C-alpha atoms as a PDB file:
ATOM      1  CA  MET A   1     -21.531 -16.430  -7.651  1.00  0.00           C
ATOM      2  CA  ARG A   2     -24.039 -14.041  -6.882  1.00  0.00           C
ATOM      3  CA  GLY A   3     -24.554 -11.181  -3.542  1.00  0.00           C
ATOM      4  CA  ASP A   4     -22.482  -8.754  -2.607  1.00  0.00           C
ATOM      5  CA  VAL A   5     -18.597 -10.064  -3.341  1.00  0.00           C
ATOM      6  CA  ARG A   6     -17.307  -8.001  -0.313  1.00  0.00           C
ATOM      7  CA  ASP A   7     -18.727 -11.748   1.335  1.00  0.00           C
ATOM      8  CA  PHE A   8     -16.678 -13.688  -1.724  1.00  0.00           C
ATOM      9  CA  PRO A   9     -14.844 -16.400   0.086  1.00  0.00           C
ATOM     10  CA  ARG A  10     -11.254 -16.036  -2.127  1.00  0.00           C
ATOM     11  CA  TYR A  11      -7.867 -15.576   1.200  1.00  0.00           C
ATOM     12  CA  GLY A  12      -6.158 -18.428   2.528  1.00  0.00           C
ATOM     13  CA  ILE A  13      -4.561 -18.270   5.598  1.00  0.00           C
ATOM     14  CA  THR A  14      -1.384 -17.634   4.499  1.00  0.00           C
ATOM     15  CA  GLU A  15      -2.163 -15.190   2.715  1.00  0.00           C
ATOM     16  CA  ALA A  16      -4.843 -12.689   4.335  1.00  0.00           C
ATOM     17  CA  ALA A  17      -2.158 -12.808   7.455  1.00  0.00           C
ATOM     18  CA  PHE A  18       0.507 -11.197   4.264  1.00  0.00           C
ATOM     19  CA  TYR A  19      -2.115  -9.056   3.716  1.00  0.00           C
ATOM     20  CA  VAL A  20      -2.780  -7.948   7.097  1.00  0.00           C
ATOM     21  CA  ARG A  21       0.814  -8.668   8.031  1.00  0.00           C
ATOM     22  CA  ILE A  22       0.634 -10.617  11.288  1.00  0.00           C
ATOM     23  CA  PRO A  23       1.808 -14.057  11.973  1.00  0.00           C
ATOM     24  CA  ALA A  24      -0.661 -16.750  10.090  1.00  0.00           C
ATOM     25  CA  SER A  25      -0.596 -17.871  13.193  1.00  0.00           C
ATOM     26  CA  THR A  26      -2.684 -15.446  15.054  1.00  0.00           C
ATOM     27  CA  LEU A  27      -5.423 -15.564  11.788  1.00  0.00           C
ATOM     28  CA  LEU A  28      -5.502 -18.935  11.994  1.00  0.00           C
ATOM     29  CA  ALA A  29      -6.619 -18.705  16.109  1.00  0.00           C
ATOM     30  CA  TRP A  30      -8.706 -16.442  15.087  1.00  0.00           C
ATOM     31  CA  THR A  31     -10.477 -18.689  12.793  1.00  0.00           C
ATOM     32  CA  ARG A  32     -10.839 -21.611  14.621  1.00  0.00           C
ATOM     33  CA  GLY A  33     -12.018 -21.111  17.642  1.00  0.00           C
ATOM     34  CA  GLN A  34     -11.388 -22.580  21.083  1.00  0.00           C
ATOM     35  CA  ASP A  35     -11.690 -26.332  22.475  1.00  0.00           C
ATOM     36  CA  TYR A  36     -10.580 -27.739  25.508  1.00  0.00           C
ATOM     37  CA  VAL A  37     -10.916 -28.689  28.729  1.00  0.00           C
ATOM     38  CA  THR A  38      -9.040 -27.512  31.560  1.00  0.00           C
ATOM     39  CA  SER A  39      -7.405 -29.330  34.151  1.00  0.00           C
ATOM     40  CA  ALA A  40     -10.131 -29.586  36.425  1.00  0.00           C
ATOM     41  CA  GLY A  41     -11.462 -31.211  33.763  1.00  0.00           C
ATOM     42  CA  LYS A  42     -13.993 -28.891  32.372  1.00  0.00           C
ATOM     43  CA  HIS A  43     -14.419 -28.616  28.821  1.00  0.00           C
ATOM     44  CA  VAL A  44     -14.505 -25.127  27.270  1.00  0.00           C
ATOM     45  CA  ILE A  45     -15.675 -23.773  23.973  1.00  0.00           C
ATOM     46  CA  PHE A  46     -14.793 -20.486  22.442  1.00  0.00           C
ATOM     47  CA  ALA A  47     -16.438 -19.434  19.439  1.00  0.00           C
ATOM     48  CA  PRO A  48     -13.937 -17.460  16.180  1.00  0.00           C
ATOM     49  CA  LEU A  49     -13.060 -14.079  16.971  1.00  0.00           C
ATOM     50  CA  ILE A  50     -13.468 -13.897  13.034  1.00  0.00           C
ATOM     51  CA  ASP A  51     -16.572 -16.082  11.214  1.00  0.00           C
ATOM     52  CA  LEU A  52     -14.852 -17.220   8.406  1.00  0.00           C
ATOM     53  CA  ALA A  53     -17.179 -17.079   4.760  1.00  0.00           C
ATOM     54  CA  ASP A  54     -16.007 -19.674   4.127  1.00  0.00           C
ATOM     55  CA  PRO A  55     -14.839 -22.042   7.833  1.00  0.00           C
ATOM     56  CA  LYS A  56     -14.568 -25.543   5.203  1.00  0.00           C
ATOM     57  CA  ASN A  57     -12.320 -23.823   3.132  1.00  0.00           C
ATOM     58  CA  LYS A  58     -10.793 -21.887   5.719  1.00  0.00           C
ATOM     59  CA  LEU A  59     -11.204 -18.715   3.263  1.00  0.00           C
ATOM     60  CA  LEU A  60     -11.489 -15.765   4.286  1.00  0.00           C
ATOM     61  CA  SER A  61     -13.583 -13.137   2.738  1.00  0.00           C
ATOM     62  CA  PHE A  62     -12.643  -9.067   2.202  1.00  0.00           C
ATOM     63  CA  TYR A  63     -15.167  -8.201   5.030  1.00  0.00           C
ATOM     64  CA  ASN A  64     -13.370 -10.553   6.856  1.00  0.00           C
ATOM     65  CA  LEU A  65      -9.832  -9.451   5.947  1.00  0.00           C
ATOM     66  CA  VAL A  66     -11.104  -5.827   7.231  1.00  0.00           C
ATOM     67  CA  GLU A  67     -11.563  -7.642  10.895  1.00  0.00           C
ATOM     68  CA  ALA A  68      -8.034  -9.680  10.914  1.00  0.00           C
ATOM     69  CA  HIS A  69      -7.287  -5.826   9.941  1.00  0.00           C
ATOM     70  CA  MET A  70      -8.514  -4.228  13.329  1.00  0.00           C
ATOM     71  CA  LEU A  71      -8.276  -7.022  15.174  1.00  0.00           C
ATOM     72  CA  ARG A  72      -4.388  -6.039  14.321  1.00  0.00           C
ATOM     73  CA  SER A  73      -4.439  -3.049  16.374  1.00  0.00           C
ATOM     74  CA  THR A  74      -4.897  -5.092  19.465  1.00  0.00           C
ATOM     75  CA  THR A  75      -1.627  -7.205  18.863  1.00  0.00           C
ATOM     76  CA  GLU A  76       0.122  -4.432  19.080  1.00  0.00           C
ATOM     77  CA  CYS A  77      -0.904  -3.161  22.146  1.00  0.00           C
ATOM     78  CA  GLY A  78       0.077  -7.016  23.765  1.00  0.00           C
ATOM     79  CA  VAL A  79      -3.906  -7.375  24.521  1.00  0.00           C
ATOM     80  CA  PRO A  80      -4.409 -10.600  25.826  1.00  0.00           C
ATOM     81  CA  LEU A  81      -6.517 -13.088  23.808  1.00  0.00           C
ATOM     82  CA  ALA A  82      -9.494 -13.806  26.864  1.00  0.00           C
ATOM     83  CA  ASN A  83      -9.878  -8.948  26.318  1.00  0.00           C
ATOM     84  CA  VAL A  84     -10.529  -9.103  22.888  1.00  0.00           C
ATOM     85  CA  ARG A  85     -12.562 -11.882  23.309  1.00  0.00           C
ATOM     86  CA  LYS A  86     -14.511 -10.654  25.975  1.00  0.00           C
ATOM     87  CA  ALA A  87     -14.200  -6.538  24.694  1.00  0.00           C
ATOM     88  CA  LEU A  88     -15.299  -8.510  20.868  1.00  0.00           C
ATOM     89  CA  GLU A  89     -18.534 -10.239  22.843  1.00  0.00           C
ATOM     90  CA  TYR A  90     -20.200  -7.370  23.739  1.00  0.00           C
ATOM     91  CA  ILE A  91     -19.989  -4.991  19.990  1.00  0.00           C
ATOM     92  CA  ARG A  92     -21.912  -8.450  19.128  1.00  0.00           C
ATOM     93  CA  GLU A  93     -24.091  -7.572  21.374  1.00  0.00           C
ATOM     94  CA  THR A  94     -24.145  -4.376  21.071  1.00  0.00           C
ATOM     95  CA  ILE A  95     -23.639  -3.235  17.360  1.00  0.00           C
ATOM     96  CA  PRO A  96     -26.235  -5.454  15.278  1.00  0.00           C
ATOM     97  CA  GLY A  97     -25.220  -6.984  11.158  1.00  0.00           C
ATOM     98  CA  GLU A  98     -22.838  -9.668  10.863  1.00  0.00           C
ATOM     99  CA  HIS A  99     -20.022  -7.891  11.380  1.00  0.00           C
ATOM    100  CA  PRO A 100     -20.104  -4.692  14.266  1.00  0.00           C
ATOM    101  CA  LEU A 101     -16.362  -4.049  13.717  1.00  0.00           C
ATOM    102  CA  LEU A 102     -16.418  -2.728  10.178  1.00  0.00           C
ATOM    103  CA  MET A 103     -19.796  -0.921  11.056  1.00  0.00           C
ATOM    104  CA  HIS A 104     -19.756   2.820  10.893  1.00  0.00           C
ATOM    105  CA  ASP A 105     -21.229   2.722  13.846  1.00  0.00           C
ATOM    106  CA  PHE A 106     -18.471   1.204  15.721  1.00  0.00           C
ATOM    107  CA  GLU A 107     -16.206   4.009  14.696  1.00  0.00           C
ATOM    108  CA  VAL A 108     -18.833   6.666  15.599  1.00  0.00           C
ATOM    109  CA  SER A 109     -19.919   5.071  18.732  1.00  0.00           C
ATOM    110  CA  GLY A 110     -18.023   1.553  19.729  1.00  0.00           C
ATOM    111  CA  LYS A 111     -14.774   1.941  19.639  1.00  0.00           C
ATOM    112  CA  GLU A 112     -15.201   4.112  23.253  1.00  0.00           C
ATOM    113  CA  VAL A 113     -16.668   1.120  24.639  1.00  0.00           C
ATOM    114  CA  PHE A 114     -14.964  -1.940  22.835  1.00  0.00           C
ATOM    115  CA  ILE A 115     -11.269  -0.394  23.813  1.00  0.00           C
ATOM    116  CA  ARG A 116     -12.524  -0.113  27.751  1.00  0.00           C
ATOM    117  CA  HIS A 117     -13.331  -3.433  27.127  1.00  0.00           C
ATOM    118  CA  LEU A 118      -9.943  -4.347  25.731  1.00  0.00           C
ATOM    119  CA  GLY A 119      -7.811  -2.690  28.627  1.00  0.00           C
ATOM    120  CA  ASP A 120      -9.725  -3.969  31.334  1.00  0.00           C
ATOM    121  CA  THR A 121      -6.638  -5.442  32.543  1.00  0.00           C
ATOM    122  CA  VAL A 122      -4.215  -2.979  31.236  1.00  0.00           C
ATOM    123  CA  ASN A 123      -2.052  -3.953  33.257  1.00  0.00           C
ATOM    124  CA  ALA A 124      -1.437  -6.488  31.634  1.00  0.00           C
ATOM    125  CA  THR A 125      -0.661  -4.641  28.044  1.00  0.00           C
ATOM    126  CA  ARG A 126       2.595  -3.327  26.706  1.00  0.00           C
ATOM    127  CA  TYR A 127       0.657   0.460  26.356  1.00  0.00           C
ATOM    128  CA  GLY A 128      -2.402   2.036  28.910  1.00  0.00           C
ATOM    129  CA  GLN A 129      -5.661   3.383  26.468  1.00  0.00           C
ATOM    130  CA  LEU A 130      -4.365   6.233  25.264  1.00  0.00           C
ATOM    131  CA  ALA A 131      -2.196   4.275  22.969  1.00  0.00           C
ATOM    132  CA  MET A 132      -4.722   2.282  22.102  1.00  0.00           C
ATOM    133  CA  ARG A 133      -7.085   5.155  21.121  1.00  0.00           C
ATOM    134  CA  LYS A 134      -4.994   6.177  18.434  1.00  0.00           C
ATOM    135  CA  ILE A 135      -3.553   2.753  16.881  1.00  0.00           C
ATOM    136  CA  LEU A 136      -6.938   1.884  16.721  1.00  0.00           C
ATOM    137  CA  ALA A 137      -8.237   5.261  15.240  1.00  0.00           C
ATOM    138  CA  ALA A 138      -4.766   4.177  12.420  1.00  0.00           C
ATOM    139  CA  HIS A 139      -6.158   1.491  11.396  1.00  0.00           C
ATOM    140  CA  LEU A 140     -10.324   2.699  11.150  1.00  0.00           C
ATOM    141  CA  LYS A 141      -8.021   5.307   9.133  1.00  0.00           C
ATOM    142  CA  ARG A 142      -6.991   2.720   6.417  1.00  0.00           C
ATOM    143  CA  ILE A 143     -10.361   1.148   5.871  1.00  0.00           C
ATOM    144  CA  VAL A 144     -12.754   3.071   2.753  1.00  0.00           C
ATOM    145  CA  ARG A 145     -16.866   3.039   3.496  1.00  0.00           C
ATOM    146  CA  ASP A 146     -19.091   3.387   1.161  1.00  0.00           C
ATOM    147  CA  THR A 147     -22.539   5.545   1.618  1.00  0.00           C
ATOM    148  CA  HIS A 148     -23.676   2.281   4.247  1.00  0.00           C
ATOM    149  CA  GLY A 149     -20.943   2.346   6.217  1.00  0.00           C
ATOM    150  CA  LEU A 150     -19.038  -0.770   5.365  1.00  0.00           C
ATOM    151  CA  PRO A 151     -15.493  -0.481   4.053  1.00  0.00           C
ATOM    152  CA  ILE A 152     -14.709  -1.065   0.231  1.00  0.00           C
ATOM    153  CA  ARG A 153     -10.958  -0.868   0.570  1.00  0.00           C
ATOM    154  CA  ILE A 154      -7.877  -1.490   2.674  1.00  0.00           C
ATOM    155  CA  PHE A 155      -4.719   0.002   2.463  1.00  0.00           C
ATOM    156  CA  PRO A 156      -2.799  -2.301   4.117  1.00  0.00           C
ATOM    157  CA  ILE A 157      -0.596  -1.476   7.145  1.00  0.00           C
ATOM    158  CA  LYS A 158       2.333   1.157   6.490  1.00  0.00           C
ATOM    159  CA  SER A 159       1.909   0.782   2.912  1.00  0.00           C
ATOM    160  CA  ARG A 160       2.775   3.851   0.747  1.00  0.00           C
ATOM    161  CA  ARG A 161       1.332   2.400  -2.298  1.00  0.00           C
ATOM    162  CA  LEU A 162      -0.824   0.066  -2.426  1.00  0.00           C
ATOM    163  CA  VAL A 163      -4.467  -1.174  -1.318  1.00  0.00           C
ATOM    164  CA  ILE A 164      -6.981  -4.013  -1.558  1.00  0.00           C
ATOM    165  CA  ASP A 165     -10.212  -3.536  -3.310  1.00  0.00           C
ATOM    166  CA  PRO A 166     -12.300  -6.525  -3.807  1.00  0.00           C
ATOM    167  CA  GLN A 167     -13.262  -5.175  -6.792  1.00  0.00           C
ATOM    168  CA  PHE A 168     -10.364  -5.121  -9.161  1.00  0.00           C
ATOM    169  CA  SER A 169      -7.618  -8.079  -9.505  1.00  0.00           C
ATOM    170  CA  SER A 170      -9.669 -11.007  -7.665  1.00  0.00           C
ATOM    171  CA  GLY A 171      -9.365  -8.307  -4.307  1.00  0.00           C
ATOM    172  CA  LYS A 172      -5.105  -9.012  -4.950  1.00  0.00           C
ATOM    173  CA  PRO A 173      -3.214  -5.589  -3.790  1.00  0.00           C
ATOM    174  CA  THR A 174      -2.904  -3.016  -6.356  1.00  0.00           C
ATOM    175  CA  VAL A 175      -0.965   0.543  -6.387  1.00  0.00           C
ATOM    176  CA  LYS A 176      -3.664   2.845  -5.219  1.00  0.00           C
ATOM    177  CA  ASP A 177      -5.295   4.761  -8.496  1.00  0.00           C
ATOM    178  CA  ARG A 178      -3.666   3.031 -10.738  1.00  0.00           C
ATOM    179  CA  GLY A 179      -5.028  -0.587 -11.068  1.00  0.00           C
ATOM    180  CA  ILE A 180      -2.064  -2.557 -11.383  1.00  0.00           C
ATOM    181  CA  THR A 181      -1.592  -5.997  -9.365  1.00  0.00           C
ATOM    182  CA  ALA A 182       2.418  -5.085  -6.853  1.00  0.00           C
ATOM    183  CA  SER A 183       2.971  -9.635  -7.343  1.00  0.00           C
ATOM    184  CA  VAL A 184       3.543  -8.934 -10.860  1.00  0.00           C
ATOM    185  CA  LEU A 185       5.696  -4.966 -10.659  1.00  0.00           C
ATOM    186  CA  TRP A 186       7.994  -7.436  -7.757  1.00  0.00           C
ATOM    187  CA  GLY A 187       8.317 -10.527 -10.136  1.00  0.00           C
ATOM    188  CA  ARG A 188       9.202  -8.099 -12.787  1.00  0.00           C
ATOM    189  CA  ASN A 189      11.992  -6.477 -10.668  1.00  0.00           C
ATOM    190  CA  LYS A 190      12.885 -10.003  -9.065  1.00  0.00           C
ATOM    191  CA  THR A 191      13.574 -11.868 -12.245  1.00  0.00           C
ATOM    192  CA  GLY A 192      16.129  -8.423 -13.272  1.00  0.00           C
ATOM    193  CA  GLU A 193      13.566  -5.821 -14.928  1.00  0.00           C
ATOM    194  CA  SER A 194      14.904  -1.948 -13.680  1.00  0.00           C
ATOM    195  CA  ILE A 195      12.042   0.271 -11.854  1.00  0.00           C
ATOM    196  CA  PRO A 196      12.478   2.345 -14.731  1.00  0.00           C
ATOM    197  CA  GLU A 197      11.870  -0.517 -17.384  1.00  0.00           C
ATOM    198  CA  LEU A 198       8.558  -0.781 -15.348  1.00  0.00           C
ATOM    199  CA  ALA A 199       8.060   2.356 -14.944  1.00  0.00           C
ATOM    200  CA  LYS A 200       7.591   2.841 -18.983  1.00  0.00           C
ATOM    201  CA  ASP A 201       5.890  -1.186 -19.585  1.00  0.00           C
ATOM    202  CA  TYR A 202       3.092   0.374 -17.056  1.00  0.00           C
ATOM    203  CA  GLY A 203       2.350   4.146 -16.803  1.00  0.00           C
ATOM    204  CA  LEU A 204       3.584   4.900 -13.660  1.00  0.00           C
ATOM    205  CA  THR A 205       6.016   7.516 -12.181  1.00  0.00           C
ATOM    206  CA  GLN A 206       9.931   5.082 -10.688  1.00  0.00           C
ATOM    207  CA  LEU A 207       8.697   6.286  -7.365  1.00  0.00           C
ATOM    208  CA  GLU A 208       4.487   4.905  -7.224  1.00  0.00           C
ATOM    209  CA  VAL A 209       7.313   1.527  -9.250  1.00  0.00           C
ATOM    210  CA  LYS A 210       9.634   1.802  -6.514  1.00  0.00           C
ATOM    211  CA  GLU A 211       7.002   1.962  -3.040  1.00  0.00           C
ATOM    212  CA  ALA A 212       4.949  -0.543  -4.988  1.00  0.00           C
ATOM    213  CA  ILE A 213       7.923  -3.324  -4.537  1.00  0.00           C
ATOM    214  CA  GLU A 214       8.992  -2.052  -1.353  1.00  0.00           C
ATOM    215  CA  ASP A 215       5.315  -1.871   0.687  1.00  0.00           C
ATOM    216  CA  TYR A 216       5.007  -5.926  -1.770  1.00  0.00           C
ATOM    217  CA  GLU A 217       8.393  -6.697  -0.539  1.00  0.00           C
ATOM    218  CA  TRP A 218       7.192  -6.115   3.522  1.00  0.00           C
ATOM    219  CA  LYS A 219       4.550  -8.647   2.590  1.00  0.00           C
ATOM    220  CA  VAL A 220       6.694 -11.196   0.896  1.00  0.00           C
ATOM    221  CA  ALA A 221       8.856 -11.250   3.921  1.00  0.00           C
ATOM    222  CA  ALA A 222       6.913 -10.820   7.101  1.00  0.00           C
END
Protein backbone atom coordinates (compact mmCIF):
# COMPACT_ATOMS: atom_id res chain seq x y z
CA MET A 1 0.00 0.00 0.00
CA ARG A 2 1.18 3.52 -0.77
CA GLY A 3 0.27 6.83 0.77
CA ASP A 4 -0.09 8.02 4.35
CA VAL A 5 0.14 5.04 6.72
CA ARG A 6 -2.19 6.90 9.08
CA ASP A 7 -4.96 6.50 6.50
CA PHE A 8 -4.53 2.73 6.05
CA PRO A 9 -7.45 0.57 7.31
CA ARG A 10 -6.14 -1.61 10.12
CA TYR A 11 -8.43 -1.70 13.19
CA GLY A 12 -11.66 -3.67 13.52
CA ILE A 13 -14.53 -2.11 15.48
CA THR A 14 -13.94 -4.19 18.61
CA GLU A 15 -10.18 -3.62 18.63
CA ALA A 16 -10.51 0.13 18.08
CA ALA A 17 -13.15 0.37 20.82
CA PHE A 18 -10.74 -1.36 23.23
CA TYR A 19 -7.98 1.11 22.43
CA VAL A 20 -10.25 4.14 22.79
CA ARG A 21 -11.91 2.60 25.84
CA ILE A 22 -15.53 2.81 24.80
CA PRO A 23 -18.13 0.06 24.25
CA ALA A 24 -17.93 -1.53 20.80
CA SER A 25 -21.64 -0.79 20.36
CA THR A 26 -20.93 2.93 20.77
CA LEU A 27 -18.21 2.92 18.14
CA LEU A 28 -20.38 0.88 15.81
CA ALA A 29 -23.14 3.50 16.11
CA TRP A 30 -20.65 6.27 15.32
CA THR A 31 -19.39 4.53 12.20
CA ARG A 32 -22.54 3.14 10.60
CA GLY A 33 -24.85 6.19 10.58
CA GLN A 34 -28.60 5.93 10.93
CA ASP A 35 -31.32 5.10 8.44
CA TYR A 36 -34.85 4.72 9.78
CA VAL A 37 -38.51 5.67 9.37
CA THR A 38 -40.13 7.82 12.07
CA SER A 39 -43.52 7.11 13.59
CA ALA A 40 -44.89 9.79 11.27
CA GLY A 41 -43.63 7.85 8.26
CA LYS A 42 -40.72 10.18 7.47
CA HIS A 43 -37.55 8.54 6.16
CA VAL A 44 -34.51 9.90 8.03
CA ILE A 45 -30.88 9.34 7.04
CA PHE A 46 -27.91 10.47 9.12
CA ALA A 47 -24.33 10.15 7.89
CA PRO A 48 -21.80 8.38 10.16
CA LEU A 49 -19.90 10.53 12.64
CA ILE A 50 -16.72 8.74 11.50
CA ASP A 51 -16.10 7.94 7.83
CA LEU A 52 -14.39 4.56 7.91
CA ALA A 53 -11.20 4.06 5.94
CA ASP A 54 -12.67 0.75 4.73
CA PRO A 55 -16.48 0.82 5.14
CA LYS A 56 -16.95 -2.52 3.36
CA ASN A 57 -14.91 -4.42 5.95
CA LYS A 58 -15.68 -1.98 8.80
CA LEU A 59 -12.03 -1.12 9.37
CA LEU A 60 -10.73 2.07 10.94
CA SER A 61 -7.50 3.88 10.14
CA PHE A 62 -5.24 5.49 12.72
CA TYR A 63 -6.91 8.80 11.86
CA ASN A 64 -10.32 7.19 12.50
CA LEU A 65 -9.01 5.89 15.83
CA VAL A 66 -8.02 9.42 16.88
CA GLU A 67 -11.41 10.75 15.74
CA ALA A 68 -13.06 8.18 18.01
CA HIS A 69 -10.74 9.29 20.81
CA MET A 70 -11.94 12.86 20.31
CA LEU A 71 -15.61 11.90 20.21
CA ARG A 72 -15.14 9.86 23.38
CA SER A 73 -14.98 13.11 25.32
CA THR A 74 -18.65 13.69 24.49
CA THR A 75 -19.67 10.41 26.13
CA GLU A 76 -18.03 11.47 29.41
CA CYS A 77 -20.30 14.52 29.50
CA GLY A 78 -23.42 12.60 28.54
CA VAL A 79 -23.98 14.79 25.47
CA PRO A 80 -26.95 13.61 23.35
CA LEU A 81 -25.94 12.09 20.01
CA ALA A 82 -28.03 14.70 18.18
CA ASN A 83 -25.86 17.43 19.70
CA VAL A 84 -22.66 15.61 18.75
CA ARG A 85 -23.89 15.29 15.18
CA LYS A 86 -24.83 18.97 15.01
CA ALA A 87 -21.48 20.11 16.42
CA LEU A 88 -19.52 17.84 14.10
CA GLU A 89 -21.49 18.96 11.05
CA TYR A 90 -20.70 22.57 11.89
CA ILE A 91 -16.98 21.83 12.30
CA ARG A 92 -16.96 19.99 8.96
CA GLU A 93 -18.44 23.06 7.31
CA THR A 94 -15.98 25.50 8.85
CA ILE A 95 -12.68 23.56 8.90
CA PRO A 96 -11.62 22.15 5.51
CA GLY A 97 -10.16 18.66 5.18
CA GLU A 98 -11.19 15.04 5.54
CA HIS A 99 -10.62 14.93 9.30
CA PRO A 100 -11.54 18.36 10.74
CA LEU A 101 -11.54 17.14 14.37
CA LEU A 102 -7.87 16.22 13.96
CA MET A 103 -6.66 19.44 12.38
CA HIS A 104 -4.57 21.93 14.32
CA ASP A 105 -7.17 24.54 13.37
CA PHE A 106 -9.70 22.66 15.49
CA GLU A 107 -7.49 22.86 18.55
CA VAL A 108 -6.68 26.53 17.97
CA SER A 109 -10.01 28.00 16.86
CA GLY A 110 -12.65 25.28 16.45
CA LYS A 111 -12.68 23.80 19.92
CA GLU A 112 -14.80 26.51 21.52
CA VAL A 113 -17.36 26.45 18.69
CA PHE A 114 -17.55 22.66 18.94
CA ILE A 115 -18.17 22.85 22.69
CA ARG A 116 -20.86 25.50 22.28
CA HIS A 117 -22.70 23.34 19.75
CA LEU A 118 -22.33 20.27 21.97
CA GLY A 119 -23.90 22.16 24.83
CA ASP A 120 -26.86 23.67 22.99
CA THR A 121 -29.10 21.66 25.30
CA VAL A 122 -26.78 21.84 28.27
CA ASN A 123 -29.50 20.67 30.67
CA ALA A 124 -29.48 17.33 28.86
CA THR A 125 -25.80 16.77 29.68
CA ARG A 126 -24.28 15.62 32.92
CA TYR A 127 -21.99 18.63 33.07
CA GLY A 128 -21.79 22.18 31.79
CA GLN A 129 -19.51 23.70 29.19
CA LEU A 130 -16.67 24.21 31.66
CA ALA A 131 -16.47 20.47 32.28
CA MET A 132 -16.68 19.81 28.54
CA ARG A 133 -13.76 22.19 28.01
CA LYS A 134 -11.61 20.41 30.60
CA ILE A 135 -12.39 16.93 29.29
CA LEU A 136 -11.79 17.90 25.66
CA ALA A 137 -8.52 19.62 26.60
CA ALA A 138 -7.38 16.43 28.37
CA HIS A 139 -8.10 14.40 25.23
CA LEU A 140 -6.25 16.86 23.02
CA LYS A 141 -3.15 16.67 25.23
CA ARG A 142 -2.89 12.95 24.50
CA ILE A 143 -2.41 13.56 20.78
CA VAL A 144 1.10 14.18 19.38
CA ARG A 145 1.13 16.08 16.07
CA ASP A 146 3.49 16.48 13.14
CA THR A 147 4.66 19.79 11.68
CA HIS A 148 1.43 19.98 9.64
CA GLY A 149 -0.69 19.73 12.78
CA LEU A 150 -1.96 16.20 12.13
CA PRO A 151 -1.74 13.32 14.65
CA ILE A 152 1.28 11.02 14.52
CA ARG A 153 0.71 9.13 17.78
CA ILE A 154 -1.78 8.95 20.61
CA PHE A 155 -1.62 7.97 24.27
CA PRO A 156 -4.69 5.94 25.31
CA ILE A 157 -6.94 7.52 27.92
CA LYS A 158 -5.57 7.17 31.48
CA SER A 159 -2.61 5.10 30.26
CA ARG A 160 0.72 5.80 31.93
CA ARG A 161 2.97 3.71 29.68
CA LEU A 162 1.29 2.92 26.38
CA VAL A 163 1.37 4.75 23.07
CA ILE A 164 -0.20 3.99 19.68
CA ASP A 165 1.98 4.92 16.72
CA PRO A 166 0.99 3.76 13.20
CA GLN A 167 4.67 3.52 12.26
CA PHE A 168 5.41 0.80 14.80
CA SER A 169 4.01 -2.68 15.51
CA SER A 170 1.17 -2.19 13.00
CA GLY A 171 -0.34 0.51 15.19
CA LYS A 172 -0.72 -1.74 18.26
CA PRO A 173 -0.16 -0.29 21.74
CA THR A 174 3.51 -0.32 22.71
CA VAL A 175 5.50 0.79 25.74
CA LYS A 176 6.26 4.45 25.06
CA ASP A 177 9.86 5.22 24.06
CA ARG A 178 10.60 1.49 24.04
CA GLY A 179 8.69 -0.04 21.15
CA ILE A 180 7.80 -3.22 23.05
CA THR A 181 4.30 -4.46 22.21
CA ALA A 182 2.13 -4.35 25.32
CA SER A 183 0.19 -7.49 24.37
CA VAL A 184 3.43 -9.53 24.43
CA LEU A 185 4.26 -8.42 27.97
CA TRP A 186 0.68 -9.01 29.08
CA GLY A 187 0.51 -12.45 27.46
CA ARG A 188 3.81 -13.69 28.87
CA ASN A 189 2.88 -12.45 32.33
CA LYS A 190 -0.45 -14.27 32.15
CA THR A 191 1.33 -17.52 31.32
CA GLY A 192 3.35 -17.26 34.54
CA GLU A 193 6.44 -15.22 33.77
CA SER A 194 7.24 -12.70 36.48
CA ILE A 195 7.64 -8.95 36.09
CA PRO A 196 11.38 -9.11 37.02
CA GLU A 197 11.93 -11.78 34.34
CA LEU A 198 10.18 -9.73 31.67
CA ALA A 199 12.02 -6.56 32.68
CA LYS A 200 15.35 -8.37 32.27
CA ASP A 201 14.37 -9.90 28.89
CA TYR A 202 13.30 -6.60 27.34
CA GLY A 203 15.68 -4.20 29.05
CA LEU A 204 12.83 -2.41 30.83
CA THR A 205 12.44 -1.34 34.43
CA GLN A 206 10.10 -3.38 36.57
CA LEU A 207 7.86 -0.31 36.91
CA GLU A 208 7.61 0.02 33.12
CA VAL A 209 6.59 -3.62 32.79
CA LYS A 210 4.13 -3.47 35.68
CA GLU A 211 2.37 -0.32 34.46
CA ALA A 212 2.31 -1.47 30.82
CA ILE A 213 0.63 -4.73 31.85
CA GLU A 214 -1.86 -2.92 34.08
CA ASP A 215 -2.71 -0.45 31.28
CA TYR A 216 -3.20 -3.28 28.81
CA GLU A 217 -5.34 -5.22 31.28
CA TRP A 218 -7.55 -2.15 31.59
CA LYS A 219 -7.98 -2.29 27.84
CA VAL A 220 -8.76 -6.02 27.83
CA ALA A 221 -11.31 -5.61 30.61
CA ALA A 222 -12.97 -2.56 29.07
